[in-house]
PDB file of N, CA and C in Angstrom:
ATOM      1  N   MET A   1     -51.378 -44.298  36.456  1.00  0.00           N
ATOM      2  CA  MET A   1     -50.733 -43.138  35.882  1.00  0.00           C
ATOM      3  C   MET A   1     -49.618 -42.677  36.825  1.00  0.00           C
ATOM      4  N   ALA A   2     -48.409 -42.647  36.369  1.00  0.00           N
ATOM      5  CA  ALA A   2     -47.265 -42.260  37.198  1.00  0.00           C
ATOM      6  C   ALA A   2     -47.184 -40.732  37.303  1.00  0.00           C
ATOM      7  N   ALA A   3     -46.923 -40.277  38.500  1.00  0.00           N
ATOM      8  CA  ALA A   3     -46.795 -38.843  38.731  1.00  0.00           C
ATOM      9  C   ALA A   3     -45.362 -38.408  38.345  1.00  0.00           C
ATOM     10  N   THR A   4     -45.274 -37.276  37.709  1.00  0.00           N
ATOM     11  CA  THR A   4     -43.947 -36.761  37.351  1.00  0.00           C
ATOM     12  C   THR A   4     -43.364 -36.076  38.580  1.00  0.00           C
ATOM     13  N   ASP A   5     -42.053 -35.780  38.492  1.00  0.00           N
ATOM     14  CA  ASP A   5     -41.380 -35.099  39.599  1.00  0.00           C
ATOM     15  C   ASP A   5     -42.015 -33.730  39.842  1.00  0.00           C
ATOM     16  N   GLY A   6     -42.422 -33.047  38.783  1.00  0.00           N
ATOM     17  CA  GLY A   6     -43.046 -31.725  38.939  1.00  0.00           C
ATOM     18  C   GLY A   6     -44.396 -31.833  39.670  1.00  0.00           C
ATOM     19  N   ASP A   7     -45.185 -32.867  39.358  1.00  0.00           N
ATOM     20  CA  ASP A   7     -46.456 -33.075  40.038  1.00  0.00           C
ATOM     21  C   ASP A   7     -46.253 -33.367  41.509  1.00  0.00           C
ATOM     22  N   LEU A   8     -45.266 -34.215  41.806  1.00  0.00           N
ATOM     23  CA  LEU A   8     -44.957 -34.556  43.170  1.00  0.00           C
ATOM     24  C   LEU A   8     -44.471 -33.353  43.958  1.00  0.00           C
ATOM     25  N   LEU A   9     -43.622 -32.557  43.356  1.00  0.00           N
ATOM     26  CA  LEU A   9     -43.119 -31.348  44.013  1.00  0.00           C
ATOM     27  C   LEU A   9     -44.253 -30.353  44.271  1.00  0.00           C
ATOM     28  N   GLU A  10     -45.161 -30.224  43.319  1.00  0.00           N
ATOM     29  CA  GLU A  10     -46.295 -29.308  43.475  1.00  0.00           C
ATOM     30  C   GLU A  10     -47.200 -29.767  44.626  1.00  0.00           C
ATOM     31  N   ARG A  11     -47.477 -31.073  44.708  1.00  0.00           N
ATOM     32  CA  ARG A  11     -48.323 -31.602  45.786  1.00  0.00           C
ATOM     33  C   ARG A  11     -47.647 -31.433  47.151  1.00  0.00           C
ATOM     34  N   ALA A  12     -46.349 -31.697  47.203  1.00  0.00           N
ATOM     35  CA  ALA A  12     -45.613 -31.553  48.473  1.00  0.00           C
ATOM     36  C   ALA A  12     -45.575 -30.087  48.923  1.00  0.00           C
ATOM     37  N   THR A  13     -45.383 -29.169  47.958  1.00  0.00           N
ATOM     38  CA  THR A  13     -45.380 -27.733  48.276  1.00  0.00           C
ATOM     39  C   THR A  13     -46.732 -27.318  48.788  1.00  0.00           C
ATOM     40  N   ARG A  14     -47.804 -27.758  48.133  1.00  0.00           N
ATOM     41  CA  ARG A  14     -49.174 -27.441  48.567  1.00  0.00           C
ATOM     42  C   ARG A  14     -49.434 -27.941  49.980  1.00  0.00           C
ATOM     43  N   LEU A  15     -48.965 -29.193  50.286  1.00  0.00           N
ATOM     44  CA  LEU A  15     -49.158 -29.738  51.595  1.00  0.00           C
ATOM     45  C   LEU A  15     -48.443 -28.926  52.670  1.00  0.00           C
ATOM     46  N   VAL A  16     -47.203 -28.546  52.408  1.00  0.00           N
ATOM     47  CA  VAL A  16     -46.428 -27.750  53.373  1.00  0.00           C
ATOM     48  C   VAL A  16     -47.035 -26.372  53.584  1.00  0.00           C
ATOM     49  N   VAL A  17     -47.432 -25.704  52.508  1.00  0.00           N
ATOM     50  CA  VAL A  17     -48.037 -24.364  52.622  1.00  0.00           C
ATOM     51  C   VAL A  17     -49.353 -24.456  53.380  1.00  0.00           C
ATOM     52  N   ASN A  18     -50.193 -25.429  53.094  1.00  0.00           N
ATOM     53  CA  ASN A  18     -51.465 -25.588  53.785  1.00  0.00           C
ATOM     54  C   ASN A  18     -51.237 -25.880  55.289  1.00  0.00           C
ATOM     55  N   ALA A  19     -50.243 -26.708  55.607  1.00  0.00           N
ATOM     56  CA  ALA A  19     -49.959 -27.016  56.999  1.00  0.00           C
ATOM     57  C   ALA A  19     -49.511 -25.729  57.732  1.00  0.00           C
ATOM     58  N   LEU A  20     -48.666 -24.922  57.087  1.00  0.00           N
ATOM     59  CA  LEU A  20     -48.238 -23.666  57.710  1.00  0.00           C
ATOM     60  C   LEU A  20     -49.408 -22.703  57.894  1.00  0.00           C
ATOM     61  N   LEU A  21     -50.268 -22.598  56.885  1.00  0.00           N
ATOM     62  CA  LEU A  21     -51.453 -21.739  57.002  1.00  0.00           C
ATOM     63  C   LEU A  21     -52.379 -22.249  58.099  1.00  0.00           C
ATOM     64  N   ALA A  22     -52.548 -23.545  58.207  1.00  0.00           N
ATOM     65  CA  ALA A  22     -53.443 -24.118  59.245  1.00  0.00           C
ATOM     66  C   ALA A  22     -52.896 -23.822  60.635  1.00  0.00           C
ATOM     67  N   THR A  23     -51.595 -23.943  60.834  1.00  0.00           N
ATOM     68  CA  THR A  23     -51.042 -23.651  62.163  1.00  0.00           C
ATOM     69  C   THR A  23     -51.100 -22.202  62.481  1.00  0.00           C
ATOM     70  N   THR A  24     -51.060 -21.323  61.472  1.00  0.00           N
ATOM     71  CA  THR A  24     -51.218 -19.894  61.707  1.00  0.00           C
ATOM     72  C   THR A  24     -52.657 -19.551  62.017  1.00  0.00           C
ATOM     73  N   ALA A  25     -53.612 -20.158  61.297  1.00  0.00           N
ATOM     74  CA  ALA A  25     -55.013 -19.857  61.496  1.00  0.00           C
ATOM     75  C   ALA A  25     -55.550 -20.435  62.800  1.00  0.00           C
ATOM     76  N   ARG A  26     -55.097 -21.604  63.210  1.00  0.00           N
ATOM     77  CA  ARG A  26     -55.578 -22.275  64.424  1.00  0.00           C
ATOM     78  C   ARG A  26     -54.400 -22.729  65.284  1.00  0.00           C
ATOM     79  N   PRO A  27     -53.709 -21.816  65.979  1.00  0.00           N
ATOM     80  CA  PRO A  27     -52.590 -22.251  66.790  1.00  0.00           C
ATOM     81  C   PRO A  27     -52.966 -23.187  67.938  1.00  0.00           C
ATOM     82  N   GLU A  28     -54.269 -23.136  68.340  1.00  0.00           N
ATOM     83  CA  GLU A  28     -54.691 -24.026  69.430  1.00  0.00           C
ATOM     84  C   GLU A  28     -54.765 -25.474  68.967  1.00  0.00           C
ATOM     85  N   SER A  29     -54.679 -25.740  67.669  1.00  0.00           N
ATOM     86  CA  SER A  29     -54.744 -27.102  67.150  1.00  0.00           C
ATOM     87  C   SER A  29     -53.387 -27.816  67.228  1.00  0.00           C
ATOM     88  N   ILE A  30     -52.351 -27.128  67.651  1.00  0.00           N
ATOM     89  CA  ILE A  30     -51.016 -27.707  67.752  1.00  0.00           C
ATOM     90  C   ILE A  30     -50.788 -28.278  69.159  1.00  0.00           C
ATOM     91  N   ILE A  31     -50.378 -29.508  69.205  1.00  0.00           N
ATOM     92  CA  ILE A  31     -50.000 -30.149  70.464  1.00  0.00           C
ATOM     93  C   ILE A  31     -48.491 -30.286  70.419  1.00  0.00           C
ATOM     94  N   GLN A  32     -47.801 -29.555  71.309  1.00  0.00           N
ATOM     95  CA  GLN A  32     -46.338 -29.551  71.309  1.00  0.00           C
ATOM     96  C   GLN A  32     -45.817 -30.846  71.916  1.00  0.00           C
ATOM     97  N   GLY A  33     -44.735 -31.337  71.363  1.00  0.00           N
ATOM     98  CA  GLY A  33     -44.056 -32.479  71.910  1.00  0.00           C
ATOM     99  C   GLY A  33     -43.322 -32.079  73.180  1.00  0.00           C
ATOM    100  N   SER A  34     -42.882 -33.066  73.941  1.00  0.00           N
ATOM    101  CA  SER A  34     -42.153 -32.777  75.167  1.00  0.00           C
ATOM    102  C   SER A  34     -40.937 -33.699  75.274  1.00  0.00           C
ATOM    103  N   ARG A  35     -40.031 -33.300  76.089  1.00  0.00           N
ATOM    104  CA  ARG A  35     -38.821 -34.113  76.293  1.00  0.00           C
ATOM    105  C   ARG A  35     -39.192 -35.317  77.138  1.00  0.00           C
ATOM    106  N   LEU A  36     -38.813 -36.516  76.676  1.00  0.00           N
ATOM    107  CA  LEU A  36     -39.181 -37.767  77.370  1.00  0.00           C
ATOM    108  C   LEU A  36     -38.164 -38.160  78.412  1.00  0.00           C
ATOM    109  N   CYS A  37     -36.899 -38.025  78.105  1.00  0.00           N
ATOM    110  CA  CYS A  37     -35.871 -38.507  79.032  1.00  0.00           C
ATOM    111  C   CYS A  37     -34.565 -37.811  78.725  1.00  0.00           C
ATOM    112  N   GLU A  38     -33.585 -38.094  79.524  1.00  0.00           N
ATOM    113  CA  GLU A  38     -32.260 -37.535  79.355  1.00  0.00           C
ATOM    114  C   GLU A  38     -31.351 -38.418  78.495  1.00  0.00           C
ATOM    115  N   GLY A  39     -31.963 -39.444  77.852  1.00  0.00           N
ATOM    116  CA  GLY A  39     -31.176 -40.336  77.018  1.00  0.00           C
ATOM    117  C   GLY A  39     -30.641 -41.545  77.767  1.00  0.00           C
ATOM    118  N   LYS A  40     -31.068 -41.744  79.004  1.00  0.00           N
ATOM    119  CA  LYS A  40     -30.600 -42.895  79.799  1.00  0.00           C
ATOM    120  C   LYS A  40     -31.588 -44.068  79.640  1.00  0.00           C
ATOM    121  N   GLY A  41     -31.125 -45.257  79.769  1.00  0.00           N
ATOM    122  CA  GLY A  41     -32.013 -46.409  79.706  1.00  0.00           C
ATOM    123  C   GLY A  41     -32.196 -46.901  78.277  1.00  0.00           C
ATOM    124  N   ASN A  42     -33.306 -47.590  78.059  1.00  0.00           N
ATOM    125  CA  ASN A  42     -33.595 -48.211  76.766  1.00  0.00           C
ATOM    126  C   ASN A  42     -34.472 -47.362  75.888  1.00  0.00           C
ATOM    127  N   HIS A  43     -34.643 -46.086  76.189  1.00  0.00           N
ATOM    128  CA  HIS A  43     -35.501 -45.234  75.360  1.00  0.00           C
ATOM    129  C   HIS A  43     -34.789 -44.867  74.072  1.00  0.00           C
ATOM    130  N   ARG A  44     -35.482 -45.058  72.964  1.00  0.00           N
ATOM    131  CA  ARG A  44     -34.940 -44.691  71.673  1.00  0.00           C
ATOM    132  C   ARG A  44     -35.256 -43.265  71.343  1.00  0.00           C
ATOM    133  N   GLU A  45     -36.415 -42.757  71.790  1.00  0.00           N
ATOM    134  CA  GLU A  45     -36.820 -41.406  71.460  1.00  0.00           C
ATOM    135  C   GLU A  45     -36.494 -40.474  72.615  1.00  0.00           C
ATOM    136  N   LEU A  46     -36.058 -39.272  72.264  1.00  0.00           N
ATOM    137  CA  LEU A  46     -35.773 -38.247  73.267  1.00  0.00           C
ATOM    138  C   LEU A  46     -36.925 -37.291  73.418  1.00  0.00           C
ATOM    139  N   TRP A  47     -37.741 -37.159  72.347  1.00  0.00           N
ATOM    140  CA  TRP A  47     -38.863 -36.197  72.335  1.00  0.00           C
ATOM    141  C   TRP A  47     -40.119 -36.903  71.841  1.00  0.00           C
ATOM    142  N   SER A  48     -41.257 -36.471  72.349  1.00  0.00           N
ATOM    143  CA  SER A  48     -42.547 -36.932  71.801  1.00  0.00           C
ATOM    144  C   SER A  48     -42.848 -36.070  70.586  1.00  0.00           C
ATOM    145  N   PRO A  49     -43.653 -36.568  69.636  1.00  0.00           N
ATOM    146  CA  PRO A  49     -43.874 -35.822  68.410  1.00  0.00           C
ATOM    147  C   PRO A  49     -44.819 -34.643  68.605  1.00  0.00           C
ATOM    148  N   ASN A  50     -44.740 -33.661  67.710  1.00  0.00           N
ATOM    149  CA  ASN A  50     -45.706 -32.573  67.625  1.00  0.00           C
ATOM    150  C   ASN A  50     -46.870 -33.045  66.770  1.00  0.00           C
ATOM    151  N   TYR A  51     -48.076 -32.610  67.105  1.00  0.00           N
ATOM    152  CA  TYR A  51     -49.250 -33.002  66.328  1.00  0.00           C
ATOM    153  C   TYR A  51     -49.967 -31.733  65.894  1.00  0.00           C
ATOM    154  N   ILE A  52     -50.502 -31.780  64.660  1.00  0.00           N
ATOM    155  CA  ILE A  52     -51.371 -30.696  64.173  1.00  0.00           C
ATOM    156  C   ILE A  52     -52.766 -31.320  64.006  1.00  0.00           C
ATOM    157  N   GLY A  53     -53.737 -30.829  64.756  1.00  0.00           N
ATOM    158  CA  GLY A  53     -55.117 -31.270  64.609  1.00  0.00           C
ATOM    159  C   GLY A  53     -55.429 -32.631  65.184  1.00  0.00           C
ATOM    160  N   LYS A  54     -54.650 -33.140  66.119  1.00  0.00           N
ATOM    161  CA  LYS A  54     -54.900 -34.461  66.687  1.00  0.00           C
ATOM    162  C   LYS A  54     -56.232 -34.538  67.403  1.00  0.00           C
ATOM    163  N   MET A  55     -56.650 -33.475  68.071  1.00  0.00           N
ATOM    164  CA  MET A  55     -57.882 -33.468  68.854  1.00  0.00           C
ATOM    165  C   MET A  55     -59.035 -32.826  68.078  1.00  0.00           C
ATOM    166  N   TYR A  56     -58.904 -32.697  66.761  1.00  0.00           N
ATOM    167  CA  TYR A  56     -59.953 -32.011  65.973  1.00  0.00           C
ATOM    168  C   TYR A  56     -61.245 -32.782  65.985  1.00  0.00           C
ATOM    169  N   GLN A  57     -62.337 -32.121  66.209  1.00  0.00           N
ATOM    170  CA  GLN A  57     -63.669 -32.680  66.162  1.00  0.00           C
ATOM    171  C   GLN A  57     -64.458 -32.028  65.031  1.00  0.00           C
ATOM    172  N   SER A  58     -64.959 -32.808  64.093  1.00  0.00           N
ATOM    173  CA  SER A  58     -65.744 -32.204  63.004  1.00  0.00           C
ATOM    174  C   SER A  58     -67.122 -31.863  63.538  1.00  0.00           C
ATOM    175  N   ARG A  59     -67.781 -30.916  62.906  1.00  0.00           N
ATOM    176  CA  ARG A  59     -69.113 -30.518  63.312  1.00  0.00           C
ATOM    177  C   ARG A  59     -70.056 -30.846  62.156  1.00  0.00           C
ATOM    178  N   SER A  60     -71.357 -30.932  62.449  1.00  0.00           N
ATOM    179  CA  SER A  60     -72.329 -31.146  61.401  1.00  0.00           C
ATOM    180  C   SER A  60     -73.455 -30.171  61.608  1.00  0.00           C
ATOM    181  N   GLU A  61     -74.160 -29.906  60.525  1.00  0.00           N
ATOM    182  CA  GLU A  61     -75.298 -29.029  60.606  1.00  0.00           C
ATOM    183  C   GLU A  61     -76.348 -29.544  59.642  1.00  0.00           C
ATOM    184  N   PRO A  62     -77.618 -29.342  59.977  1.00  0.00           N
ATOM    185  CA  PRO A  62     -78.718 -29.828  59.097  1.00  0.00           C
ATOM    186  C   PRO A  62     -78.767 -28.992  57.801  1.00  0.00           C
ATOM    187  N   ALA A  63     -79.129 -29.653  56.712  1.00  0.00           N
ATOM    188  CA  ALA A  63     -79.287 -28.957  55.466  1.00  0.00           C
ATOM    189  C   ALA A  63     -80.503 -28.040  55.540  1.00  0.00           C
ATOM    190  N   SER A  64     -80.391 -26.881  54.927  1.00  0.00           N
ATOM    191  CA  SER A  64     -81.506 -25.938  54.949  1.00  0.00           C
ATOM    192  C   SER A  64     -81.427 -25.071  53.707  1.00  0.00           C
ATOM    193  N   GLY A  65     -82.474 -24.287  53.503  1.00  0.00           N
ATOM    194  CA  GLY A  65     -82.499 -23.382  52.351  1.00  0.00           C
ATOM    195  C   GLY A  65     -83.090 -24.028  51.120  1.00  0.00           C
ATOM    196  N   THR A  66     -83.162 -23.256  50.073  1.00  0.00           N
ATOM    197  CA  THR A  66     -83.786 -23.731  48.843  1.00  0.00           C
ATOM    198  C   THR A  66     -82.855 -24.587  48.016  1.00  0.00           C
ATOM    199  N   HIS A  67     -81.546 -24.543  48.294  1.00  0.00           N
ATOM    200  CA  HIS A  67     -80.573 -25.300  47.509  1.00  0.00           C
ATOM    201  C   HIS A  67     -80.039 -26.498  48.304  1.00  0.00           C
ATOM    202  N   ALA A  68     -80.847 -26.994  49.208  1.00  0.00           N
ATOM    203  CA  ALA A  68     -80.400 -28.111  50.020  1.00  0.00           C
ATOM    204  C   ALA A  68     -80.190 -29.364  49.154  1.00  0.00           C
ATOM    205  N   SER A  69     -79.067 -30.044  49.390  1.00  0.00           N
ATOM    206  CA  SER A  69     -78.753 -31.226  48.607  1.00  0.00           C
ATOM    207  C   SER A  69     -79.664 -32.383  49.018  1.00  0.00           C
ATOM    208  N   PRO A  70     -80.007 -33.295  48.095  1.00  0.00           N
ATOM    209  CA  PRO A  70     -80.832 -34.417  48.460  1.00  0.00           C
ATOM    210  C   PRO A  70     -80.069 -35.543  49.184  1.00  0.00           C
ATOM    211  N   ARG A  71     -78.797 -35.335  49.552  1.00  0.00           N
ATOM    212  CA  ARG A  71     -78.038 -36.347  50.237  1.00  0.00           C
ATOM    213  C   ARG A  71     -77.061 -35.660  51.227  1.00  0.00           C
ATOM    214  N   SER A  72     -76.661 -36.437  52.216  1.00  0.00           N
ATOM    215  CA  SER A  72     -75.663 -35.935  53.165  1.00  0.00           C
ATOM    216  C   SER A  72     -74.315 -35.870  52.472  1.00  0.00           C
ATOM    217  N   HIS A  73     -73.490 -34.883  52.862  1.00  0.00           N
ATOM    218  CA  HIS A  73     -72.193 -34.771  52.239  1.00  0.00           C
ATOM    219  C   HIS A  73     -71.264 -33.910  53.105  1.00  0.00           C
ATOM    220  N   TRP A  74     -69.972 -34.001  52.803  1.00  0.00           N
ATOM    221  CA  TRP A  74     -68.980 -33.165  53.447  1.00  0.00           C
ATOM    222  C   TRP A  74     -68.769 -31.885  52.674  1.00  0.00           C
ATOM    223  N   ARG A  75     -68.738 -30.766  53.351  1.00  0.00           N
ATOM    224  CA  ARG A  75     -68.308 -29.517  52.774  1.00  0.00           C
ATOM    225  C   ARG A  75     -66.870 -29.337  53.231  1.00  0.00           C
ATOM    226  N   ARG A  76     -65.935 -29.367  52.313  1.00  0.00           N
ATOM    227  CA  ARG A  76     -64.520 -29.384  52.702  1.00  0.00           C
ATOM    228  C   ARG A  76     -64.056 -28.045  53.254  1.00  0.00           C
ATOM    229  N   GLY A  77     -63.075 -28.129  54.132  1.00  0.00           N
ATOM    230  CA  GLY A  77     -62.445 -26.920  54.670  1.00  0.00           C
ATOM    231  C   GLY A  77     -61.549 -26.273  53.645  1.00  0.00           C
ATOM    232  N   HIS A  78     -61.339 -24.978  53.773  1.00  0.00           N
ATOM    233  CA  HIS A  78     -60.490 -24.242  52.847  1.00  0.00           C
ATOM    234  C   HIS A  78     -60.058 -22.937  53.453  1.00  0.00           C
ATOM    235  N   PHE A  79     -59.035 -22.334  52.849  1.00  0.00           N
ATOM    236  CA  PHE A  79     -58.585 -21.021  53.250  1.00  0.00           C
ATOM    237  C   PHE A  79     -59.262 -19.981  52.372  1.00  0.00           C
ATOM    238  N   ARG A  80     -59.521 -18.832  52.971  1.00  0.00           N
ATOM    239  CA  ARG A  80     -60.170 -17.746  52.239  1.00  0.00           C
ATOM    240  C   ARG A  80     -59.377 -16.483  52.489  1.00  0.00           C
ATOM    241  N   ASN A  81     -59.165 -15.716  51.461  1.00  0.00           N
ATOM    242  CA  ASN A  81     -58.535 -14.409  51.564  1.00  0.00           C
ATOM    243  C   ASN A  81     -59.635 -13.382  51.856  1.00  0.00           C
ATOM    244  N   GLN A  82     -59.891 -13.135  53.134  1.00  0.00           N
ATOM    245  CA  GLN A  82     -61.032 -12.344  53.606  1.00  0.00           C
ATOM    246  C   GLN A  82     -60.727 -10.864  53.623  1.00  0.00           C
ATOM    247  N   PRO A  83     -61.480 -10.038  52.859  1.00  0.00           N
ATOM    248  CA  PRO A  83     -61.323  -8.600  52.973  1.00  0.00           C
ATOM    249  C   PRO A  83     -61.948  -8.081  54.252  1.00  0.00           C
ATOM    250  N   TYR A  84     -61.347  -7.024  54.845  1.00  0.00           N
ATOM    251  CA  TYR A  84     -61.890  -6.417  56.038  1.00  0.00           C
ATOM    252  C   TYR A  84     -61.380  -4.979  56.146  1.00  0.00           C
ATOM    253  N   GLY A  85     -61.887  -4.273  57.104  1.00  0.00           N
ATOM    254  CA  GLY A  85     -61.417  -2.906  57.362  1.00  0.00           C
ATOM    255  C   GLY A  85     -62.182  -1.874  56.533  1.00  0.00           C
ATOM    256  N   THR A  86     -61.701  -0.650  56.590  1.00  0.00           N
ATOM    257  CA  THR A  86     -62.324   0.461  55.894  1.00  0.00           C
ATOM    258  C   THR A  86     -62.268   0.244  54.389  1.00  0.00           C
ATOM    259  N   GLY A  87     -63.443   0.219  53.778  1.00  0.00           N
ATOM    260  CA  GLY A  87     -63.540  -0.017  52.349  1.00  0.00           C
ATOM    261  C   GLY A  87     -63.053  -1.413  51.919  1.00  0.00           C
ATOM    262  N   LEU A  88     -62.993  -2.320  52.881  1.00  0.00           N
ATOM    263  CA  LEU A  88     -62.503  -3.678  52.622  1.00  0.00           C
ATOM    264  C   LEU A  88     -61.145  -3.680  51.908  1.00  0.00           C
ATOM    265  N   ALA A  89     -60.304  -2.732  52.309  1.00  0.00           N
ATOM    266  CA  ALA A  89     -58.992  -2.559  51.669  1.00  0.00           C
ATOM    267  C   ALA A  89     -57.958  -3.556  52.180  1.00  0.00           C
ATOM    268  N   SER A  90     -58.120  -4.051  53.402  1.00  0.00           N
ATOM    269  CA  SER A  90     -57.140  -4.986  53.959  1.00  0.00           C
ATOM    270  C   SER A  90     -57.631  -6.420  53.769  1.00  0.00           C
ATOM    271  N   HIS A  91     -56.711  -7.337  53.775  1.00  0.00           N
ATOM    272  CA  HIS A  91     -57.050  -8.744  53.589  1.00  0.00           C
ATOM    273  C   HIS A  91     -56.315  -9.585  54.630  1.00  0.00           C
ATOM    274  N   LYS A  92     -56.960 -10.700  55.082  1.00  0.00           N
ATOM    275  CA  LYS A  92     -56.321 -11.660  55.943  1.00  0.00           C
ATOM    276  C   LYS A  92     -56.786 -13.044  55.523  1.00  0.00           C
ATOM    277  N   ILE A  93     -55.916 -14.006  55.721  1.00  0.00           N
ATOM    278  CA  ILE A  93     -56.236 -15.387  55.359  1.00  0.00           C
ATOM    279  C   ILE A  93     -56.927 -16.023  56.589  1.00  0.00           C
ATOM    280  N   ILE A  94     -58.131 -16.575  56.369  1.00  0.00           N
ATOM    281  CA  ILE A  94     -58.874 -17.246  57.430  1.00  0.00           C
ATOM    282  C   ILE A  94     -59.155 -18.672  56.993  1.00  0.00           C
ATOM    283  N   TRP A  95     -59.370 -19.525  57.959  1.00  0.00           N
ATOM    284  CA  TRP A  95     -59.664 -20.954  57.725  1.00  0.00           C
ATOM    285  C   TRP A  95     -61.154 -21.172  57.873  1.00  0.00           C
ATOM    286  N   ILE A  96     -61.790 -21.737  56.893  1.00  0.00           N
ATOM    287  CA  ILE A  96     -63.189 -22.128  56.927  1.00  0.00           C
ATOM    288  C   ILE A  96     -63.223 -23.598  57.279  1.00  0.00           C
ATOM    289  N   GLU A  97     -63.808 -23.941  58.401  1.00  0.00           N
ATOM    290  CA  GLU A  97     -63.829 -25.321  58.917  1.00  0.00           C
ATOM    291  C   GLU A  97     -64.610 -26.252  57.974  1.00  0.00           C
ATOM    292  N   PRO A  98     -64.170 -27.534  57.889  1.00  0.00           N
ATOM    293  CA  PRO A  98     -64.982 -28.510  57.136  1.00  0.00           C
ATOM    294  C   PRO A  98     -66.226 -28.844  57.974  1.00  0.00           C
ATOM    295  N   VAL A  99     -67.301 -29.192  57.337  1.00  0.00           N
ATOM    296  CA  VAL A  99     -68.547 -29.468  58.050  1.00  0.00           C
ATOM    297  C   VAL A  99     -69.295 -30.544  57.307  1.00  0.00           C
ATOM    298  N   PHE A 100     -69.979 -31.424  58.068  1.00  0.00           N
ATOM    299  CA  PHE A 100     -70.797 -32.483  57.472  1.00  0.00           C
ATOM    300  C   PHE A 100     -72.214 -31.994  57.416  1.00  0.00           C
ATOM    301  N   ILE A 101     -72.785 -31.905  56.203  1.00  0.00           N
ATOM    302  CA  ILE A 101     -74.157 -31.445  56.000  1.00  0.00           C
ATOM    303  C   ILE A 101     -75.053 -32.695  56.065  1.00  0.00           C
ATOM    304  N   LEU A 102     -75.949 -32.685  57.016  1.00  0.00           N
ATOM    305  CA  LEU A 102     -76.799 -33.830  57.243  1.00  0.00           C
ATOM    306  C   LEU A 102     -78.173 -33.546  56.665  1.00  0.00           C
ATOM    307  N   TYR A 103     -78.529 -34.367  55.674  1.00  0.00           N
ATOM    308  CA  TYR A 103     -79.855 -34.213  55.052  1.00  0.00           C
ATOM    309  C   TYR A 103     -80.884 -34.993  55.845  1.00  0.00           C
ATOM    310  N   THR A 104     -81.935 -34.327  56.215  1.00  0.00           N
ATOM    311  CA  THR A 104     -83.047 -34.976  56.863  1.00  0.00           C
ATOM    312  C   THR A 104     -84.316 -34.752  56.038  1.00  0.00           C
ATOM    313  N   ALA A 105     -85.003 -35.785  55.662  1.00  0.00           N
ATOM    314  CA  ALA A 105     -86.206 -35.660  54.883  1.00  0.00           C
ATOM    315  C   ALA A 105     -87.312 -34.983  55.710  1.00  0.00           C
ATOM    316  N   SER A 106     -88.016 -34.051  55.111  1.00  0.00           N
ATOM    317  CA  SER A 106     -89.059 -33.324  55.833  1.00  0.00           C
ATOM    318  C   SER A 106     -90.378 -33.992  55.747  1.00  0.00           C
TER     319      SER A 106
END
């Protein structure tokens, strides 16, 4: 099934917005590039790349509770518009980390 230009634009926009939200929520996940050289010699690159989430380590937790799944699975990460403050009148966007739920038979 071929994607239309509108579908492709929507996916690209979603990717860019999620990357911007991720860098805002977790600025420590950004590894800044650095200048490699002054342009002398056989170096083609002047700068090393920036990385988002290069050193990310996923976490896992055992399944528990009455609604525990009968199999191990990933719970995907997502952004949440979290209410806070007096009367929960203010909102902030927070990142909920992805986690691997490990099922262990009892």
